[in-house]
Amino acid sequence: MESRLKVLGHPVHPMLVMFPVALLATAVLFDVIDTVGGPDFLGEVAYWNITVGLIGGLLAAAAGSFDLLAIPTGTRAKRVGLLHAGANVAVVLLFAAVWVVRLNADSRAAGGALVAIEVVAVAILGISAWLGGELVDRLGVGVDPDADLDAPSSLRPTASTVPAGRTGPRSSDLSTGTPMPGDPAADRELHRPDTAGEIDRP
């Protein structure tokens, strides 16, 4: 399923997601080091990491919602997408609560209880990241329909033409439903455990 929000031919959501993941995870690392006796400035840096990470998380969520709404209902992709979105909302809420407490505190240092909340939030973030990978790598959400090892550049879309090196119709264009040899999509279909027996059957 092709992404609904792109820049220069590439989906926006994965471009944005790396920033909040890295910033929030690094904030927790800095807070842990600060709590066990590290340099005092790490608490301040962690606070600002959380600030920017929350902003990035909201932007990434907004971009991801375009693709989530486009996933057909009743599919596994929709269920995984909703879990992914729900986990991200939980992460944002937990870090937002930590941020508010630290905003009004005399010191920007986290302390034991806030660090514990941050660790839980990062664990949920890890689960959410795995679900995001499942959506793309396993379920094909956000993947261009013409994706191929020899596909042309995203800056030169050729959806209506046959990619270089390919002869004959794509498996998706066949009206008979019979996969064509040499087509990567067809090869994947032929080797799916739940369809292999059906294809060989007369």
N, C-alpha and C. Protein backbone atom coordinates (compact mmCIF):
# COMPACT_ATOMS: atom_id res chain seq x y z
N MET A 1 0.84 -1.19 0.00
CA MET A 1 0.00 0.00 0.00
C MET A 1 0.88 1.24 0.00
N GLU A 2 0.69 2.09 -0.98
CA GLU A 2 1.52 3.28 -1.13
C GLU A 2 1.19 4.33 -0.07
N SER A 3 2.21 5.02 0.40
CA SER A 3 2.02 6.08 1.39
C SER A 3 1.21 7.22 0.79
N ARG A 4 0.37 7.84 1.62
CA ARG A 4 -0.48 8.94 1.15
C ARG A 4 0.19 10.30 1.30
N LEU A 5 1.29 10.36 2.02
CA LEU A 5 1.97 11.63 2.25
C LEU A 5 3.45 11.47 1.94
N LYS A 6 3.89 12.09 0.83
CA LYS A 6 5.26 11.92 0.36
C LYS A 6 5.94 13.26 0.10
N VAL A 7 7.27 13.24 0.17
CA VAL A 7 8.10 14.36 -0.23
C VAL A 7 9.18 13.82 -1.14
N LEU A 8 9.28 14.34 -2.34
CA LEU A 8 10.25 13.87 -3.34
C LEU A 8 10.14 12.36 -3.56
N GLY A 9 8.91 11.86 -3.50
CA GLY A 9 8.66 10.47 -3.80
C GLY A 9 8.82 9.51 -2.64
N HIS A 10 9.21 10.01 -1.45
CA HIS A 10 9.41 9.15 -0.30
C HIS A 10 8.41 9.48 0.81
N PRO A 11 7.94 8.47 1.55
CA PRO A 11 6.98 8.71 2.63
C PRO A 11 7.55 9.63 3.70
N VAL A 12 6.71 10.52 4.23
CA VAL A 12 7.14 11.50 5.22
C VAL A 12 7.27 10.87 6.61
N HIS A 13 6.36 9.97 6.96
CA HIS A 13 6.33 9.42 8.32
C HIS A 13 7.66 8.81 8.75
N PRO A 14 8.26 7.90 7.95
CA PRO A 14 9.55 7.35 8.38
C PRO A 14 10.66 8.37 8.44
N MET A 15 10.55 9.45 7.67
CA MET A 15 11.57 10.51 7.74
C MET A 15 11.54 11.19 9.11
N LEU A 16 10.34 11.37 9.66
CA LEU A 16 10.19 12.11 10.91
C LEU A 16 10.38 11.24 12.14
N VAL A 17 10.08 9.97 12.03
CA VAL A 17 10.01 9.10 13.21
C VAL A 17 11.36 8.91 13.89
N MET A 18 12.43 8.99 13.12
CA MET A 18 13.75 8.73 13.69
C MET A 18 14.15 9.78 14.73
N PHE A 19 13.63 11.01 14.58
CA PHE A 19 14.04 12.08 15.49
C PHE A 19 13.48 11.90 16.90
N PRO A 20 12.16 11.71 17.07
CA PRO A 20 11.68 11.50 18.44
C PRO A 20 12.21 10.22 19.07
N VAL A 21 12.38 9.17 18.28
CA VAL A 21 12.92 7.92 18.84
C VAL A 21 14.31 8.15 19.40
N ALA A 22 15.17 8.78 18.61
CA ALA A 22 16.55 9.02 19.06
C ALA A 22 16.61 10.00 20.22
N LEU A 23 15.85 11.08 20.14
CA LEU A 23 15.89 12.11 21.19
C LEU A 23 15.36 11.59 22.52
N LEU A 24 14.24 10.87 22.49
CA LEU A 24 13.66 10.38 23.74
C LEU A 24 14.52 9.28 24.37
N ALA A 25 15.04 8.40 23.54
CA ALA A 25 15.91 7.34 24.06
C ALA A 25 17.18 7.92 24.67
N THR A 26 17.75 8.93 24.00
CA THR A 26 18.96 9.57 24.52
C THR A 26 18.67 10.32 25.81
N ALA A 27 17.49 10.93 25.89
CA ALA A 27 17.11 11.64 27.12
C ALA A 27 17.09 10.70 28.31
N VAL A 28 16.54 9.51 28.11
CA VAL A 28 16.49 8.54 29.21
C VAL A 28 17.91 8.12 29.60
N LEU A 29 18.75 7.89 28.62
CA LEU A 29 20.14 7.52 28.91
C LEU A 29 20.84 8.61 29.72
N PHE A 30 20.67 9.86 29.32
CA PHE A 30 21.29 10.98 30.05
C PHE A 30 20.73 11.09 31.47
N ASP A 31 19.42 10.89 31.61
CA ASP A 31 18.82 10.97 32.95
C ASP A 31 19.31 9.86 33.86
N VAL A 32 19.49 8.67 33.32
CA VAL A 32 20.01 7.55 34.12
C VAL A 32 21.43 7.87 34.59
N ILE A 33 22.25 8.37 33.66
CA ILE A 33 23.63 8.72 34.03
C ILE A 33 23.64 9.83 35.07
N ASP A 34 22.77 10.83 34.89
CA ASP A 34 22.69 11.93 35.84
C ASP A 34 22.25 11.44 37.22
N THR A 35 21.31 10.50 37.25
CA THR A 35 20.78 9.99 38.52
C THR A 35 21.82 9.21 39.31
N VAL A 36 22.68 8.49 38.61
CA VAL A 36 23.68 7.67 39.31
C VAL A 36 24.97 8.45 39.60
N GLY A 37 24.94 9.77 39.38
CA GLY A 37 26.09 10.57 39.77
C GLY A 37 26.87 11.19 38.64
N GLY A 38 26.31 11.22 37.46
CA GLY A 38 27.00 11.81 36.33
C GLY A 38 26.99 13.33 36.39
N PRO A 39 27.52 13.98 35.37
CA PRO A 39 27.57 15.46 35.34
C PRO A 39 26.17 16.07 35.45
N ASP A 40 26.05 17.16 36.17
CA ASP A 40 24.75 17.79 36.41
C ASP A 40 24.08 18.29 35.13
N PHE A 41 24.89 18.69 34.14
CA PHE A 41 24.31 19.27 32.93
C PHE A 41 23.51 18.26 32.12
N LEU A 42 23.73 16.96 32.36
CA LEU A 42 23.01 15.94 31.59
C LEU A 42 21.51 15.99 31.83
N GLY A 43 21.11 16.35 33.06
CA GLY A 43 19.69 16.49 33.35
C GLY A 43 19.05 17.58 32.51
N GLU A 44 19.75 18.69 32.36
CA GLU A 44 19.26 19.80 31.54
C GLU A 44 19.18 19.39 30.07
N VAL A 45 20.22 18.71 29.59
CA VAL A 45 20.22 18.25 28.19
C VAL A 45 19.07 17.27 27.96
N ALA A 46 18.85 16.36 28.91
CA ALA A 46 17.77 15.38 28.78
C ALA A 46 16.42 16.07 28.70
N TYR A 47 16.24 17.10 29.51
CA TYR A 47 14.98 17.85 29.49
C TYR A 47 14.70 18.44 28.11
N TRP A 48 15.73 19.03 27.50
CA TRP A 48 15.54 19.63 26.18
C TRP A 48 15.40 18.58 25.10
N ASN A 49 16.05 17.43 25.30
CA ASN A 49 15.83 16.31 24.37
C ASN A 49 14.36 15.89 24.38
N ILE A 50 13.79 15.82 25.57
CA ILE A 50 12.38 15.44 25.68
C ILE A 50 11.50 16.51 25.03
N THR A 51 11.83 17.77 25.23
CA THR A 51 11.05 18.86 24.64
C THR A 51 10.99 18.74 23.12
N VAL A 52 12.16 18.60 22.50
CA VAL A 52 12.22 18.50 21.05
C VAL A 52 11.65 17.15 20.59
N GLY A 53 11.89 16.10 21.37
CA GLY A 53 11.36 14.79 21.01
C GLY A 53 9.85 14.76 20.99
N LEU A 54 9.21 15.46 21.92
CA LEU A 54 7.75 15.52 21.94
C LEU A 54 7.21 16.26 20.71
N ILE A 55 7.87 17.34 20.34
CA ILE A 55 7.45 18.08 19.15
C ILE A 55 7.59 17.19 17.91
N GLY A 56 8.74 16.51 17.81
CA GLY A 56 8.95 15.60 16.68
C GLY A 56 7.96 14.45 16.67
N GLY A 57 7.62 13.95 17.88
CA GLY A 57 6.66 12.86 17.97
C GLY A 57 5.28 13.26 17.47
N LEU A 58 4.86 14.48 17.79
CA LEU A 58 3.56 14.97 17.32
C LEU A 58 3.55 15.14 15.81
N LEU A 59 4.64 15.63 15.24
CA LEU A 59 4.72 15.77 13.79
C LEU A 59 4.71 14.41 13.11
N ALA A 60 5.45 13.46 13.66
CA ALA A 60 5.48 12.11 13.08
C ALA A 60 4.11 11.45 13.17
N ALA A 61 3.42 11.66 14.29
CA ALA A 61 2.08 11.08 14.45
C ALA A 61 1.11 11.67 13.44
N ALA A 62 1.20 12.97 13.21
CA ALA A 62 0.32 13.61 12.23
C ALA A 62 0.55 13.04 10.83
N ALA A 63 1.83 12.86 10.47
CA ALA A 63 2.13 12.28 9.16
C ALA A 63 1.67 10.83 9.08
N GLY A 64 1.88 10.07 10.15
CA GLY A 64 1.48 8.66 10.15
C GLY A 64 -0.02 8.46 10.07
N SER A 65 -0.78 9.43 10.58
CA SER A 65 -2.24 9.27 10.57
C SER A 65 -2.79 9.23 9.16
N PHE A 66 -2.12 9.87 8.20
CA PHE A 66 -2.57 9.82 6.81
C PHE A 66 -2.55 8.38 6.29
N ASP A 67 -1.47 7.66 6.58
CA ASP A 67 -1.36 6.27 6.13
C ASP A 67 -2.28 5.36 6.93
N LEU A 68 -2.41 5.61 8.22
CA LEU A 68 -3.27 4.76 9.06
C LEU A 68 -4.72 4.83 8.59
N LEU A 69 -5.19 6.00 8.28
CA LEU A 69 -6.58 6.16 7.84
C LEU A 69 -6.83 5.50 6.48
N ALA A 70 -5.76 5.35 5.69
CA ALA A 70 -5.92 4.77 4.36
C ALA A 70 -5.87 3.25 4.37
N ILE A 71 -5.44 2.63 5.47
CA ILE A 71 -5.37 1.16 5.53
C ILE A 71 -6.78 0.60 5.58
N PRO A 72 -7.09 -0.38 4.74
CA PRO A 72 -8.46 -0.95 4.73
C PRO A 72 -8.80 -1.58 6.07
N THR A 73 -10.03 -1.37 6.52
CA THR A 73 -10.49 -1.98 7.76
C THR A 73 -10.63 -3.48 7.60
N GLY A 74 -10.52 -4.18 8.71
CA GLY A 74 -10.63 -5.63 8.69
C GLY A 74 -9.36 -6.35 8.33
N THR A 75 -8.28 -5.63 8.08
CA THR A 75 -7.01 -6.25 7.73
C THR A 75 -6.10 -6.32 8.95
N ARG A 76 -5.11 -7.21 8.89
CA ARG A 76 -4.13 -7.29 9.98
C ARG A 76 -3.33 -5.99 10.04
N ALA A 77 -3.08 -5.40 8.88
CA ALA A 77 -2.34 -4.14 8.84
C ALA A 77 -3.07 -3.06 9.64
N LYS A 78 -4.38 -3.02 9.56
CA LYS A 78 -5.14 -2.03 10.31
C LYS A 78 -5.01 -2.27 11.80
N ARG A 79 -5.08 -3.54 12.22
CA ARG A 79 -4.96 -3.86 13.64
C ARG A 79 -3.58 -3.50 14.16
N VAL A 80 -2.55 -3.86 13.40
CA VAL A 80 -1.18 -3.53 13.81
C VAL A 80 -0.97 -2.02 13.81
N GLY A 81 -1.54 -1.33 12.82
CA GLY A 81 -1.42 0.11 12.75
C GLY A 81 -2.05 0.81 13.94
N LEU A 82 -3.20 0.31 14.38
CA LEU A 82 -3.86 0.89 15.54
C LEU A 82 -3.06 0.63 16.82
N LEU A 83 -2.47 -0.55 16.94
CA LEU A 83 -1.60 -0.83 18.09
C LEU A 83 -0.38 0.09 18.07
N HIS A 84 0.20 0.26 16.90
CA HIS A 84 1.36 1.13 16.72
C HIS A 84 1.01 2.57 17.14
N ALA A 85 -0.13 3.05 16.67
CA ALA A 85 -0.55 4.41 17.00
C ALA A 85 -0.86 4.55 18.49
N GLY A 86 -1.54 3.55 19.06
CA GLY A 86 -1.87 3.59 20.49
C GLY A 86 -0.62 3.59 21.36
N ALA A 87 0.36 2.78 20.99
CA ALA A 87 1.62 2.75 21.75
C ALA A 87 2.32 4.11 21.68
N ASN A 88 2.29 4.73 20.51
CA ASN A 88 2.93 6.04 20.36
C ASN A 88 2.22 7.11 21.19
N VAL A 89 0.90 7.04 21.25
CA VAL A 89 0.16 7.99 22.07
C VAL A 89 0.54 7.82 23.55
N ALA A 90 0.66 6.57 23.99
CA ALA A 90 1.06 6.30 25.37
C ALA A 90 2.44 6.87 25.66
N VAL A 91 3.37 6.70 24.73
CA VAL A 91 4.73 7.21 24.90
C VAL A 91 4.71 8.74 25.02
N VAL A 92 3.98 9.39 24.13
CA VAL A 92 3.91 10.85 24.15
C VAL A 92 3.30 11.35 25.46
N LEU A 93 2.25 10.69 25.93
CA LEU A 93 1.60 11.11 27.18
C LEU A 93 2.52 10.94 28.38
N LEU A 94 3.24 9.82 28.44
CA LEU A 94 4.15 9.59 29.56
C LEU A 94 5.28 10.62 29.58
N PHE A 95 5.89 10.85 28.42
CA PHE A 95 6.97 11.82 28.37
C PHE A 95 6.45 13.24 28.59
N ALA A 96 5.23 13.52 28.13
CA ALA A 96 4.65 14.84 28.36
C ALA A 96 4.44 15.08 29.86
N ALA A 97 4.00 14.04 30.58
CA ALA A 97 3.81 14.16 32.03
C ALA A 97 5.15 14.44 32.72
N VAL A 98 6.18 13.72 32.30
CA VAL A 98 7.52 13.95 32.86
C VAL A 98 7.99 15.37 32.55
N TRP A 99 7.74 15.82 31.34
CA TRP A 99 8.16 17.17 30.92
C TRP A 99 7.48 18.25 31.75
N VAL A 100 6.17 18.08 32.01
CA VAL A 100 5.43 19.07 32.79
C VAL A 100 5.97 19.16 34.21
N VAL A 101 6.24 18.01 34.82
CA VAL A 101 6.78 18.00 36.18
C VAL A 101 8.12 18.72 36.22
N ARG A 102 8.97 18.45 35.26
CA ARG A 102 10.30 19.05 35.25
C ARG A 102 10.24 20.53 34.88
N LEU A 103 9.24 20.92 34.10
CA LEU A 103 9.09 22.32 33.72
C LEU A 103 8.85 23.20 34.94
N ASN A 104 8.05 22.70 35.88
CA ASN A 104 7.68 23.48 37.06
C ASN A 104 8.57 23.22 38.27
N ALA A 105 9.57 22.39 38.11
CA ALA A 105 10.45 22.06 39.23
C ALA A 105 11.60 23.05 39.34
N ASP A 106 12.21 23.09 40.52
CA ASP A 106 13.36 23.97 40.72
C ASP A 106 14.55 23.51 39.90
N SER A 107 14.66 22.19 39.74
CA SER A 107 15.77 21.62 38.98
C SER A 107 15.21 20.81 37.81
N ARG A 108 15.93 20.82 36.70
CA ARG A 108 15.50 20.05 35.53
C ARG A 108 15.90 18.59 35.64
N ALA A 109 16.59 18.21 36.70
CA ALA A 109 16.98 16.82 36.89
C ALA A 109 15.73 15.97 37.09
N ALA A 110 15.80 14.72 36.65
CA ALA A 110 14.61 13.86 36.65
C ALA A 110 14.34 13.25 38.02
N GLY A 111 15.32 12.61 38.62
CA GLY A 111 15.08 11.88 39.87
C GLY A 111 14.58 10.48 39.60
N GLY A 112 14.57 9.65 40.63
CA GLY A 112 14.28 8.23 40.48
C GLY A 112 12.91 7.91 39.91
N ALA A 113 11.83 8.53 40.43
CA ALA A 113 10.48 8.21 39.99
C ALA A 113 10.27 8.59 38.53
N LEU A 114 10.73 9.76 38.14
CA LEU A 114 10.56 10.19 36.75
C LEU A 114 11.38 9.34 35.79
N VAL A 115 12.57 8.94 36.22
CA VAL A 115 13.39 8.06 35.37
C VAL A 115 12.69 6.72 35.16
N ALA A 116 12.04 6.21 36.21
CA ALA A 116 11.30 4.95 36.08
C ALA A 116 10.18 5.08 35.05
N ILE A 117 9.47 6.20 35.06
CA ILE A 117 8.43 6.44 34.05
C ILE A 117 9.03 6.50 32.66
N GLU A 118 10.17 7.17 32.55
CA GLU A 118 10.84 7.29 31.25
C GLU A 118 11.27 5.92 30.72
N VAL A 119 11.77 5.07 31.59
CA VAL A 119 12.21 3.73 31.17
C VAL A 119 11.01 2.94 30.64
N VAL A 120 9.88 3.03 31.34
CA VAL A 120 8.66 2.35 30.85
C VAL A 120 8.26 2.90 29.49
N ALA A 121 8.31 4.23 29.34
CA ALA A 121 7.93 4.86 28.08
C ALA A 121 8.84 4.41 26.94
N VAL A 122 10.13 4.30 27.20
CA VAL A 122 11.06 3.87 26.16
C VAL A 122 10.83 2.40 25.80
N ALA A 123 10.47 1.59 26.78
CA ALA A 123 10.15 0.19 26.48
C ALA A 123 8.94 0.10 25.55
N ILE A 124 7.93 0.92 25.82
CA ILE A 124 6.76 0.96 24.93
C ILE A 124 7.16 1.48 23.56
N LEU A 125 8.07 2.45 23.53
CA LEU A 125 8.55 2.99 22.27
C LEU A 125 9.25 1.91 21.44
N GLY A 126 9.99 1.04 22.11
CA GLY A 126 10.64 -0.06 21.41
C GLY A 126 9.62 -1.01 20.78
N ILE A 127 8.55 -1.31 21.51
CA ILE A 127 7.49 -2.16 20.97
C ILE A 127 6.83 -1.47 19.78
N SER A 128 6.58 -0.18 19.92
CA SER A 128 5.97 0.57 18.82
C SER A 128 6.86 0.57 17.58
N ALA A 129 8.17 0.71 17.78
CA ALA A 129 9.09 0.70 16.65
C ALA A 129 9.06 -0.65 15.94
N TRP A 130 8.97 -1.74 16.71
CA TRP A 130 8.86 -3.07 16.09
C TRP A 130 7.57 -3.18 15.28
N LEU A 131 6.48 -2.67 15.83
CA LEU A 131 5.20 -2.70 15.10
C LEU A 131 5.28 -1.88 13.82
N GLY A 132 5.99 -0.75 13.88
CA GLY A 132 6.18 0.04 12.67
C GLY A 132 6.95 -0.72 11.61
N GLY A 133 7.99 -1.44 12.04
CA GLY A 133 8.73 -2.28 11.10
C GLY A 133 7.87 -3.38 10.52
N GLU A 134 7.00 -3.95 11.33
CA GLU A 134 6.09 -4.99 10.86
C GLU A 134 5.15 -4.43 9.78
N LEU A 135 4.68 -3.22 9.99
CA LEU A 135 3.79 -2.58 9.02
C LEU A 135 4.47 -2.42 7.66
N VAL A 136 5.72 -1.99 7.67
CA VAL A 136 6.41 -1.72 6.41
C VAL A 136 6.99 -3.00 5.81
N ASP A 137 7.82 -3.71 6.58
CA ASP A 137 8.58 -4.82 6.04
C ASP A 137 7.75 -6.08 5.81
N ARG A 138 6.72 -6.29 6.63
CA ARG A 138 5.94 -7.51 6.52
C ARG A 138 4.60 -7.27 5.82
N LEU A 139 3.97 -6.12 6.10
CA LEU A 139 2.63 -5.88 5.59
C LEU A 139 2.60 -4.89 4.42
N GLY A 140 3.73 -4.30 4.10
CA GLY A 140 3.82 -3.47 2.89
C GLY A 140 3.14 -2.11 2.97
N VAL A 141 2.90 -1.61 4.17
CA VAL A 141 2.28 -0.29 4.30
C VAL A 141 3.32 0.79 4.01
N GLY A 142 2.98 1.73 3.14
CA GLY A 142 3.89 2.79 2.78
C GLY A 142 4.88 2.41 1.70
N VAL A 143 4.72 1.23 1.11
CA VAL A 143 5.66 0.76 0.08
C VAL A 143 5.10 1.12 -1.30
N ASP A 144 5.94 1.66 -2.16
CA ASP A 144 5.53 2.03 -3.51
C ASP A 144 5.09 0.79 -4.28
N PRO A 145 4.00 0.85 -5.02
CA PRO A 145 3.53 -0.33 -5.76
C PRO A 145 4.49 -0.79 -6.84
N ASP A 146 5.38 0.10 -7.29
CA ASP A 146 6.36 -0.28 -8.32
C ASP A 146 7.72 -0.62 -7.71
N ALA A 147 7.74 -0.89 -6.39
CA ALA A 147 9.01 -1.23 -5.74
C ALA A 147 9.62 -2.46 -6.38
N ASP A 148 10.91 -2.39 -6.65
CA ASP A 148 11.59 -3.48 -7.35
C ASP A 148 13.09 -3.24 -7.20
N LEU A 149 13.88 -4.30 -7.31
CA LEU A 149 15.33 -4.13 -7.20
C LEU A 149 15.90 -3.27 -8.31
N ASP A 150 15.21 -3.16 -9.44
CA ASP A 150 15.66 -2.34 -10.55
C ASP A 150 14.72 -1.17 -10.83
N ALA A 151 13.92 -0.78 -9.84
CA ALA A 151 12.99 0.33 -10.04
C ALA A 151 13.75 1.63 -10.27
N PRO A 152 13.18 2.53 -11.09
CA PRO A 152 13.85 3.81 -11.33
C PRO A 152 13.77 4.71 -10.10
N SER A 153 14.45 5.84 -10.18
CA SER A 153 14.48 6.80 -9.08
C SER A 153 13.08 7.29 -8.73
N SER A 154 12.87 7.58 -7.44
CA SER A 154 11.59 8.13 -6.99
C SER A 154 11.32 9.50 -7.60
N LEU A 155 12.36 10.17 -8.04
CA LEU A 155 12.19 11.48 -8.67
C LEU A 155 11.70 11.37 -10.11
N ARG A 156 11.70 10.14 -10.65
CA ARG A 156 11.21 9.92 -12.01
C ARG A 156 10.15 8.83 -11.97
N PRO A 157 8.93 9.15 -11.47
CA PRO A 157 7.89 8.13 -11.36
C PRO A 157 7.52 7.56 -12.72
N THR A 158 7.40 6.24 -12.77
CA THR A 158 7.05 5.56 -14.02
C THR A 158 5.98 4.52 -13.76
N ALA A 159 4.96 4.90 -13.02
CA ALA A 159 3.93 3.95 -12.64
C ALA A 159 3.21 3.37 -13.83
N SER A 160 3.13 4.12 -14.94
CA SER A 160 2.37 3.66 -16.09
C SER A 160 3.22 2.91 -17.10
N THR A 161 4.53 2.79 -16.82
CA THR A 161 5.41 2.10 -17.75
C THR A 161 6.01 0.88 -17.11
N VAL A 162 6.54 -0.01 -17.94
CA VAL A 162 7.20 -1.21 -17.45
C VAL A 162 8.63 -0.87 -17.10
N PRO A 163 9.10 -1.16 -15.86
CA PRO A 163 10.47 -0.83 -15.46
C PRO A 163 11.49 -1.50 -16.37
N ALA A 164 12.68 -0.86 -16.45
CA ALA A 164 13.75 -1.39 -17.30
C ALA A 164 14.11 -2.81 -16.88
N GLY A 165 14.30 -3.67 -17.88
CA GLY A 165 14.67 -5.05 -17.60
C GLY A 165 13.50 -5.98 -17.42
N ARG A 166 12.28 -5.43 -17.37
CA ARG A 166 11.11 -6.28 -17.19
C ARG A 166 10.42 -6.47 -18.54
N THR A 167 10.02 -7.67 -18.84
CA THR A 167 9.29 -7.95 -20.07
C THR A 167 7.95 -8.54 -19.72
N GLY A 168 6.93 -8.11 -20.45
CA GLY A 168 5.59 -8.65 -20.21
C GLY A 168 4.90 -7.91 -19.10
N PRO A 169 3.66 -8.28 -18.82
CA PRO A 169 2.87 -7.59 -17.80
C PRO A 169 3.30 -7.95 -16.40
N ARG A 170 2.99 -7.06 -15.44
CA ARG A 170 3.21 -7.35 -14.03
C ARG A 170 2.18 -8.34 -13.56
N SER A 171 2.50 -9.03 -12.47
CA SER A 171 1.55 -10.00 -11.94
C SER A 171 0.27 -9.33 -11.51
N SER A 172 0.36 -8.04 -11.08
CA SER A 172 -0.83 -7.34 -10.64
C SER A 172 -1.73 -6.96 -11.80
N ASP A 173 -1.19 -7.01 -13.07
CA ASP A 173 -1.98 -6.64 -14.23
C ASP A 173 -2.64 -7.84 -14.88
N LEU A 174 -2.34 -9.03 -14.42
CA LEU A 174 -2.87 -10.23 -15.06
C LEU A 174 -4.32 -10.43 -14.70
N SER A 175 -5.14 -10.64 -15.69
CA SER A 175 -6.57 -10.87 -15.43
C SER A 175 -6.83 -12.32 -15.06
N THR A 176 -5.91 -13.21 -15.42
CA THR A 176 -6.13 -14.63 -15.15
C THR A 176 -5.75 -15.01 -13.74
N GLY A 177 -4.95 -14.18 -13.08
CA GLY A 177 -4.51 -14.50 -11.73
C GLY A 177 -3.31 -15.41 -11.70
N THR A 178 -2.74 -15.77 -12.87
CA THR A 178 -1.57 -16.64 -12.93
C THR A 178 -0.31 -15.81 -12.84
N PRO A 179 0.53 -16.03 -11.82
CA PRO A 179 1.75 -15.23 -11.68
C PRO A 179 2.70 -15.46 -12.84
N MET A 180 3.45 -14.41 -13.20
CA MET A 180 4.44 -14.50 -14.27
C MET A 180 5.81 -14.78 -13.69
N PRO A 181 6.57 -15.74 -14.22
CA PRO A 181 7.92 -16.01 -13.74
C PRO A 181 8.81 -14.78 -13.93
N GLY A 182 9.69 -14.57 -12.97
CA GLY A 182 10.62 -13.45 -13.06
C GLY A 182 10.13 -12.18 -12.41
N ASP A 183 8.83 -12.12 -12.10
CA ASP A 183 8.29 -10.93 -11.44
C ASP A 183 8.45 -11.11 -9.94
N PRO A 184 9.17 -10.21 -9.24
CA PRO A 184 9.40 -10.40 -7.79
C PRO A 184 8.11 -10.55 -7.01
N ALA A 185 7.09 -9.76 -7.35
CA ALA A 185 5.82 -9.89 -6.63
C ALA A 185 5.20 -11.25 -6.85
N ALA A 186 5.32 -11.75 -8.10
CA ALA A 186 4.77 -13.06 -8.40
C ALA A 186 5.56 -14.16 -7.70
N ASP A 187 6.90 -13.97 -7.65
CA ASP A 187 7.72 -14.98 -6.98
C ASP A 187 7.37 -15.07 -5.51
N ARG A 188 7.12 -13.92 -4.88
CA ARG A 188 6.72 -13.95 -3.48
C ARG A 188 5.39 -14.67 -3.32
N GLU A 189 4.48 -14.43 -4.26
CA GLU A 189 3.17 -15.07 -4.19
C GLU A 189 3.29 -16.58 -4.35
N LEU A 190 4.18 -17.01 -5.27
CA LEU A 190 4.37 -18.44 -5.51
C LEU A 190 4.92 -19.16 -4.29
N HIS A 191 5.74 -18.45 -3.49
CA HIS A 191 6.39 -19.07 -2.36
C HIS A 191 5.69 -18.81 -1.04
N ARG A 192 4.52 -18.18 -1.08
CA ARG A 192 3.75 -18.03 0.15
C ARG A 192 3.25 -19.38 0.60
N PRO A 193 3.44 -19.76 1.88
CA PRO A 193 3.01 -21.08 2.36
C PRO A 193 1.52 -21.34 2.18
N ASP A 194 0.69 -20.27 2.28
CA ASP A 194 -0.75 -20.49 2.22
C ASP A 194 -1.29 -20.56 0.81
N THR A 195 -0.43 -20.27 -0.22
CA THR A 195 -0.92 -20.31 -1.59
C THR A 195 -0.14 -21.28 -2.47
N ALA A 196 1.00 -21.76 -1.97
CA ALA A 196 1.84 -22.61 -2.82
C ALA A 196 1.08 -23.83 -3.28
N GLY A 197 0.33 -24.44 -2.40
CA GLY A 197 -0.39 -25.64 -2.77
C GLY A 197 -1.50 -25.36 -3.76
N GLU A 198 -2.11 -24.17 -3.66
CA GLU A 198 -3.22 -23.83 -4.54
C GLU A 198 -2.73 -23.58 -5.96
N ILE A 199 -1.54 -23.00 -6.11
CA ILE A 199 -1.03 -22.69 -7.43
C ILE A 199 -0.68 -23.96 -8.20
N ASP A 200 -0.16 -24.96 -7.47
CA ASP A 200 0.22 -26.21 -8.14
C ASP A 200 -0.98 -27.10 -8.43
N ARG A 201 -2.10 -26.79 -7.79
CA ARG A 201 -3.29 -27.63 -7.94
C ARG A 201 -3.94 -27.38 -9.28
N PRO A 202 -4.40 -28.39 -10.03
CA PRO A 202 -5.04 -28.18 -11.34
C PRO A 202 -6.36 -27.47 -11.20
